Amino acid sequence: MLECSTTILECLDLIGWEHAPALLPTTVGQMVAAPSAEESTAWRQPVDLVALCDESASQISELFAAWRNLQRWSKHAALARELLGDEPAKIIDALKVAIRAGAAPADLGRSLA
């Protein structure tokens, strides 16, 4: 998208800006329809975060469905440190461990905050 808009602007610099009303509308469709690199790769490199989140969402839902708060969970600071990590799979694993240990949804939110 940036290349297209840059090219048309450079073209107008060469031929004159008086042609802008005729040229600029022809680029709108291309600019609106163009996928960005961020949409196609940013969430998939180096780790496919979309797939990781899709897979984990059902697992976490099942953990909460089976969740029974038999004891008070209080490891908010430790989970907060895990949530600040750089490895998405380890973060998801830390959430699962916390839920299995008795963390309620509010506990996860508190750790994140």
N, C-alpha and C. Protein backbone atom coordinates (compact mmCIF):
# COMPACT_ATOMS: atom_id res chain seq x y z
N MET A 1 0.82 -1.17 0.00
CA MET A 1 0.00 0.00 0.00
C MET A 1 0.87 1.24 0.00
N LEU A 2 1.91 1.26 0.79
CA LEU A 2 2.79 2.42 0.85
C LEU A 2 3.46 2.66 -0.48
N GLU A 3 3.87 1.57 -1.15
CA GLU A 3 4.52 1.71 -2.45
C GLU A 3 3.58 2.35 -3.46
N CYS A 4 2.33 1.92 -3.47
CA CYS A 4 1.35 2.45 -4.42
C CYS A 4 1.14 3.94 -4.19
N SER A 5 0.93 4.32 -2.94
CA SER A 5 0.70 5.73 -2.66
C SER A 5 1.95 6.56 -2.92
N THR A 6 3.12 6.02 -2.63
CA THR A 6 4.36 6.73 -2.90
C THR A 6 4.55 6.91 -4.40
N THR A 7 4.26 5.86 -5.17
CA THR A 7 4.42 5.93 -6.62
C THR A 7 3.49 6.98 -7.23
N ILE A 8 2.25 7.00 -6.82
CA ILE A 8 1.31 7.98 -7.38
C ILE A 8 1.71 9.40 -6.99
N LEU A 9 2.21 9.58 -5.79
CA LEU A 9 2.64 10.91 -5.37
C LEU A 9 3.88 11.36 -6.15
N GLU A 10 4.78 10.42 -6.40
CA GLU A 10 5.96 10.75 -7.21
C GLU A 10 5.55 11.08 -8.65
N CYS A 11 4.57 10.33 -9.14
CA CYS A 11 4.06 10.60 -10.49
C CYS A 11 3.48 12.01 -10.56
N LEU A 12 2.70 12.37 -9.56
CA LEU A 12 2.12 13.72 -9.55
C LEU A 12 3.20 14.79 -9.45
N ASP A 13 4.27 14.49 -8.72
CA ASP A 13 5.39 15.44 -8.67
C ASP A 13 5.96 15.67 -10.07
N LEU A 14 5.99 14.60 -10.88
CA LEU A 14 6.56 14.71 -12.23
C LEU A 14 5.62 15.39 -13.23
N ILE A 15 4.34 15.00 -13.19
CA ILE A 15 3.43 15.52 -14.22
C ILE A 15 2.66 16.75 -13.79
N GLY A 16 2.66 17.00 -12.50
CA GLY A 16 1.96 18.18 -11.99
C GLY A 16 0.76 17.81 -11.14
N TRP A 17 0.62 18.51 -10.05
CA TRP A 17 -0.44 18.24 -9.08
C TRP A 17 -1.82 18.62 -9.58
N GLU A 18 -1.88 19.34 -10.67
CA GLU A 18 -3.19 19.67 -11.24
C GLU A 18 -3.92 18.42 -11.74
N HIS A 19 -3.17 17.31 -11.91
CA HIS A 19 -3.76 16.04 -12.35
C HIS A 19 -4.23 15.17 -11.17
N ALA A 20 -4.04 15.64 -9.96
CA ALA A 20 -4.41 14.86 -8.77
C ALA A 20 -5.89 14.46 -8.76
N PRO A 21 -6.83 15.36 -9.09
CA PRO A 21 -8.25 14.95 -9.05
C PRO A 21 -8.57 13.79 -10.00
N ALA A 22 -7.81 13.63 -11.05
CA ALA A 22 -8.06 12.53 -11.98
C ALA A 22 -7.32 11.26 -11.56
N LEU A 23 -6.15 11.39 -10.98
CA LEU A 23 -5.34 10.22 -10.66
C LEU A 23 -5.61 9.61 -9.28
N LEU A 24 -5.75 10.43 -8.27
CA LEU A 24 -5.88 9.90 -6.91
C LEU A 24 -7.09 8.97 -6.74
N PRO A 25 -8.26 9.28 -7.29
CA PRO A 25 -9.38 8.34 -7.13
C PRO A 25 -9.11 6.95 -7.72
N THR A 26 -8.24 6.85 -8.70
CA THR A 26 -7.96 5.54 -9.30
C THR A 26 -7.15 4.64 -8.38
N THR A 27 -6.53 5.18 -7.35
CA THR A 27 -5.71 4.38 -6.44
C THR A 27 -6.46 3.92 -5.20
N VAL A 28 -7.63 4.49 -4.94
CA VAL A 28 -8.35 4.18 -3.70
C VAL A 28 -8.67 2.69 -3.60
N GLY A 29 -9.19 2.10 -4.65
CA GLY A 29 -9.55 0.68 -4.62
C GLY A 29 -8.36 -0.21 -4.31
N GLN A 30 -7.23 0.08 -4.94
CA GLN A 30 -6.02 -0.71 -4.68
C GLN A 30 -5.54 -0.55 -3.25
N MET A 31 -5.60 0.68 -2.76
CA MET A 31 -5.11 0.93 -1.41
C MET A 31 -6.00 0.29 -0.36
N VAL A 32 -7.29 0.29 -0.59
CA VAL A 32 -8.23 -0.29 0.38
C VAL A 32 -8.16 -1.81 0.35
N ALA A 33 -7.99 -2.39 -0.80
CA ALA A 33 -8.00 -3.85 -0.94
C ALA A 33 -6.65 -4.49 -0.63
N ALA A 34 -5.61 -3.73 -0.58
CA ALA A 34 -4.27 -4.29 -0.40
C ALA A 34 -4.08 -4.80 1.02
N PRO A 35 -3.68 -6.06 1.18
CA PRO A 35 -3.36 -6.56 2.51
C PRO A 35 -2.01 -6.02 2.94
N SER A 36 -1.89 -5.76 4.20
CA SER A 36 -0.60 -5.28 4.70
C SER A 36 0.25 -6.46 5.12
N ALA A 37 1.52 -6.26 5.16
CA ALA A 37 2.43 -7.32 5.60
C ALA A 37 2.16 -7.67 7.05
N GLU A 38 1.74 -6.69 7.83
CA GLU A 38 1.45 -6.94 9.24
C GLU A 38 0.32 -7.95 9.38
N GLU A 39 -0.70 -7.85 8.54
CA GLU A 39 -1.81 -8.78 8.62
C GLU A 39 -1.41 -10.20 8.25
N SER A 40 -0.45 -10.33 7.37
CA SER A 40 -0.11 -11.67 6.91
C SER A 40 1.04 -12.32 7.67
N THR A 41 1.93 -11.54 8.28
CA THR A 41 3.10 -12.16 8.90
C THR A 41 3.37 -11.77 10.34
N ALA A 42 2.98 -10.60 10.77
CA ALA A 42 3.40 -10.13 12.09
C ALA A 42 2.95 -11.04 13.22
N TRP A 43 1.79 -11.65 13.07
CA TRP A 43 1.28 -12.51 14.14
C TRP A 43 1.71 -13.96 13.94
N ARG A 44 2.50 -14.23 12.92
CA ARG A 44 2.88 -15.60 12.62
C ARG A 44 4.39 -15.83 12.63
N GLN A 45 5.15 -14.79 12.85
CA GLN A 45 6.61 -14.91 12.83
C GLN A 45 7.19 -14.28 14.09
N PRO A 46 8.08 -14.81 14.79
CA PRO A 46 8.67 -16.14 14.60
C PRO A 46 7.80 -17.26 15.15
N VAL A 47 6.76 -16.92 15.91
CA VAL A 47 5.84 -17.92 16.46
C VAL A 47 4.46 -17.63 15.90
N ASP A 48 3.74 -18.66 15.49
CA ASP A 48 2.40 -18.47 14.96
C ASP A 48 1.44 -18.22 16.13
N LEU A 49 1.30 -16.94 16.50
CA LEU A 49 0.48 -16.57 17.65
C LEU A 49 -0.99 -16.86 17.42
N VAL A 50 -1.45 -16.74 16.19
CA VAL A 50 -2.86 -17.01 15.89
C VAL A 50 -3.18 -18.46 16.20
N ALA A 51 -2.37 -19.37 15.69
CA ALA A 51 -2.60 -20.80 15.94
C ALA A 51 -2.46 -21.13 17.43
N LEU A 52 -1.47 -20.54 18.07
CA LEU A 52 -1.27 -20.77 19.50
C LEU A 52 -2.48 -20.31 20.31
N CYS A 53 -3.00 -19.15 20.00
CA CYS A 53 -4.17 -18.63 20.71
C CYS A 53 -5.42 -19.45 20.41
N ASP A 54 -5.60 -19.84 19.15
CA ASP A 54 -6.76 -20.67 18.79
C ASP A 54 -6.75 -21.98 19.57
N GLU A 55 -5.60 -22.62 19.59
CA GLU A 55 -5.47 -23.91 20.28
C GLU A 55 -5.67 -23.73 21.79
N SER A 56 -5.07 -22.71 22.34
CA SER A 56 -5.09 -22.51 23.79
C SER A 56 -6.45 -22.03 24.29
N ALA A 57 -7.19 -21.31 23.48
CA ALA A 57 -8.47 -20.78 23.92
C ALA A 57 -9.42 -21.89 24.34
N SER A 58 -9.51 -22.95 23.55
CA SER A 58 -10.40 -24.05 23.92
C SER A 58 -9.88 -24.79 25.14
N GLN A 59 -8.57 -24.95 25.22
CA GLN A 59 -7.99 -25.64 26.38
C GLN A 59 -8.25 -24.85 27.66
N ILE A 60 -8.06 -23.55 27.60
CA ILE A 60 -8.28 -22.71 28.78
C ILE A 60 -9.76 -22.70 29.15
N SER A 61 -10.63 -22.66 28.14
CA SER A 61 -12.07 -22.73 28.42
C SER A 61 -12.43 -24.02 29.14
N GLU A 62 -11.84 -25.12 28.69
CA GLU A 62 -12.10 -26.41 29.34
C GLU A 62 -11.56 -26.43 30.77
N LEU A 63 -10.40 -25.82 30.97
CA LEU A 63 -9.84 -25.77 32.33
C LEU A 63 -10.76 -24.98 33.26
N PHE A 64 -11.27 -23.87 32.78
CA PHE A 64 -12.19 -23.09 33.62
C PHE A 64 -13.51 -23.82 33.84
N ALA A 65 -13.97 -24.58 32.84
CA ALA A 65 -15.21 -25.34 32.99
C ALA A 65 -15.05 -26.40 34.08
N ALA A 66 -13.87 -26.96 34.18
CA ALA A 66 -13.60 -27.98 35.19
C ALA A 66 -13.07 -27.38 36.49
N TRP A 67 -12.88 -26.10 36.49
CA TRP A 67 -12.25 -25.40 37.61
C TRP A 67 -13.12 -25.45 38.86
N ARG A 68 -12.50 -25.78 39.92
CA ARG A 68 -13.15 -25.76 41.24
C ARG A 68 -12.18 -25.06 42.17
N ASN A 69 -12.57 -23.94 42.68
CA ASN A 69 -11.70 -23.18 43.56
C ASN A 69 -11.73 -23.81 44.95
N LEU A 70 -10.90 -24.84 45.10
CA LEU A 70 -10.85 -25.55 46.37
C LEU A 70 -10.00 -24.81 47.39
N GLN A 71 -9.11 -23.99 46.88
CA GLN A 71 -8.24 -23.23 47.77
C GLN A 71 -8.01 -21.84 47.19
N ARG A 72 -7.62 -20.96 48.04
CA ARG A 72 -7.36 -19.60 47.59
C ARG A 72 -6.02 -19.57 46.87
N TRP A 73 -6.01 -19.03 45.66
CA TRP A 73 -4.79 -18.93 44.86
C TRP A 73 -4.19 -17.55 45.07
N SER A 74 -2.89 -17.46 45.32
CA SER A 74 -2.31 -16.16 45.66
C SER A 74 -0.94 -15.90 45.02
N LYS A 75 -0.67 -16.52 43.91
CA LYS A 75 0.65 -16.35 43.28
C LYS A 75 0.59 -15.31 42.16
N HIS A 76 -0.06 -14.19 42.43
CA HIS A 76 -0.25 -13.15 41.42
C HIS A 76 1.07 -12.57 40.91
N ALA A 77 1.99 -12.30 41.80
CA ALA A 77 3.27 -11.69 41.41
C ALA A 77 4.08 -12.64 40.53
N ALA A 78 4.09 -13.92 40.89
CA ALA A 78 4.84 -14.89 40.09
C ALA A 78 4.24 -15.02 38.69
N LEU A 79 2.91 -15.05 38.60
CA LEU A 79 2.28 -15.14 37.30
C LEU A 79 2.52 -13.86 36.50
N ALA A 80 2.50 -12.72 37.17
CA ALA A 80 2.76 -11.44 36.49
C ALA A 80 4.13 -11.45 35.82
N ARG A 81 5.13 -11.99 36.51
CA ARG A 81 6.47 -12.09 35.91
C ARG A 81 6.46 -12.99 34.68
N GLU A 82 5.71 -14.08 34.75
CA GLU A 82 5.60 -14.99 33.60
C GLU A 82 4.91 -14.30 32.43
N LEU A 83 3.89 -13.51 32.72
CA LEU A 83 3.14 -12.83 31.66
C LEU A 83 3.99 -11.78 30.94
N LEU A 84 5.03 -11.31 31.57
CA LEU A 84 5.92 -10.33 30.95
C LEU A 84 7.03 -10.98 30.13
N GLY A 85 7.01 -12.29 30.03
CA GLY A 85 8.05 -13.02 29.30
C GLY A 85 7.99 -12.81 27.80
N ASP A 86 8.98 -13.34 27.13
CA ASP A 86 9.11 -13.18 25.68
C ASP A 86 8.66 -14.41 24.90
N GLU A 87 8.35 -15.49 25.59
CA GLU A 87 7.99 -16.73 24.90
C GLU A 87 6.50 -17.00 25.06
N PRO A 88 5.73 -16.81 23.99
CA PRO A 88 4.28 -16.96 24.06
C PRO A 88 3.82 -18.32 24.59
N ALA A 89 4.47 -19.39 24.17
CA ALA A 89 4.05 -20.72 24.63
C ALA A 89 4.23 -20.86 26.14
N LYS A 90 5.31 -20.30 26.68
CA LYS A 90 5.54 -20.34 28.13
C LYS A 90 4.49 -19.52 28.87
N ILE A 91 4.06 -18.41 28.28
CA ILE A 91 3.03 -17.58 28.90
C ILE A 91 1.71 -18.35 28.98
N ILE A 92 1.35 -19.00 27.88
CA ILE A 92 0.12 -19.81 27.85
C ILE A 92 0.22 -20.93 28.87
N ASP A 93 1.37 -21.59 28.93
CA ASP A 93 1.56 -22.67 29.91
C ASP A 93 1.43 -22.15 31.33
N ALA A 94 1.96 -20.97 31.60
CA ALA A 94 1.86 -20.39 32.95
C ALA A 94 0.40 -20.12 33.31
N LEU A 95 -0.38 -19.66 32.35
CA LEU A 95 -1.81 -19.44 32.61
C LEU A 95 -2.51 -20.76 32.93
N LYS A 96 -2.20 -21.80 32.17
CA LYS A 96 -2.81 -23.11 32.41
C LYS A 96 -2.43 -23.66 33.79
N VAL A 97 -1.16 -23.52 34.14
CA VAL A 97 -0.70 -23.99 35.46
C VAL A 97 -1.43 -23.25 36.57
N ALA A 98 -1.58 -21.95 36.40
CA ALA A 98 -2.26 -21.14 37.42
C ALA A 98 -3.72 -21.57 37.56
N ILE A 99 -4.40 -21.82 36.44
CA ILE A 99 -5.80 -22.23 36.50
C ILE A 99 -5.93 -23.58 37.18
N ARG A 100 -5.05 -24.51 36.81
CA ARG A 100 -5.09 -25.84 37.45
C ARG A 100 -4.83 -25.75 38.95
N ALA A 101 -4.04 -24.74 39.35
CA ALA A 101 -3.71 -24.58 40.78
C ALA A 101 -4.80 -23.83 41.53
N GLY A 102 -5.84 -23.39 40.81
CA GLY A 102 -6.96 -22.74 41.50
C GLY A 102 -7.18 -21.28 41.19
N ALA A 103 -6.44 -20.72 40.26
CA ALA A 103 -6.62 -19.31 39.91
C ALA A 103 -7.95 -19.11 39.20
N ALA A 104 -8.69 -18.14 39.65
CA ALA A 104 -9.97 -17.77 39.03
C ALA A 104 -9.69 -16.77 37.92
N PRO A 105 -10.65 -16.54 37.04
CA PRO A 105 -10.45 -15.53 36.00
C PRO A 105 -10.04 -14.17 36.57
N ALA A 106 -10.60 -13.80 37.69
CA ALA A 106 -10.24 -12.53 38.32
C ALA A 106 -8.78 -12.53 38.77
N ASP A 107 -8.27 -13.69 39.19
CA ASP A 107 -6.86 -13.79 39.58
C ASP A 107 -5.95 -13.56 38.38
N LEU A 108 -6.33 -14.11 37.22
CA LEU A 108 -5.53 -13.90 36.02
C LEU A 108 -5.51 -12.42 35.64
N GLY A 109 -6.67 -11.79 35.73
CA GLY A 109 -6.75 -10.36 35.44
C GLY A 109 -5.93 -9.54 36.42
N ARG A 110 -5.98 -9.90 37.67
CA ARG A 110 -5.17 -9.18 38.69
C ARG A 110 -3.69 -9.34 38.40
N SER A 111 -3.28 -10.52 38.00
CA SER A 111 -1.87 -10.75 37.69
C SER A 111 -1.44 -9.93 36.47
N LEU A 112 -2.31 -9.84 35.51
CA LEU A 112 -2.01 -9.08 34.31
C LEU A 112 -1.94 -7.57 34.62
N ALA A 113 -2.83 -7.12 35.48
CA ALA A 113 -2.82 -5.69 35.84
C ALA A 113 -1.62 -5.36 36.69
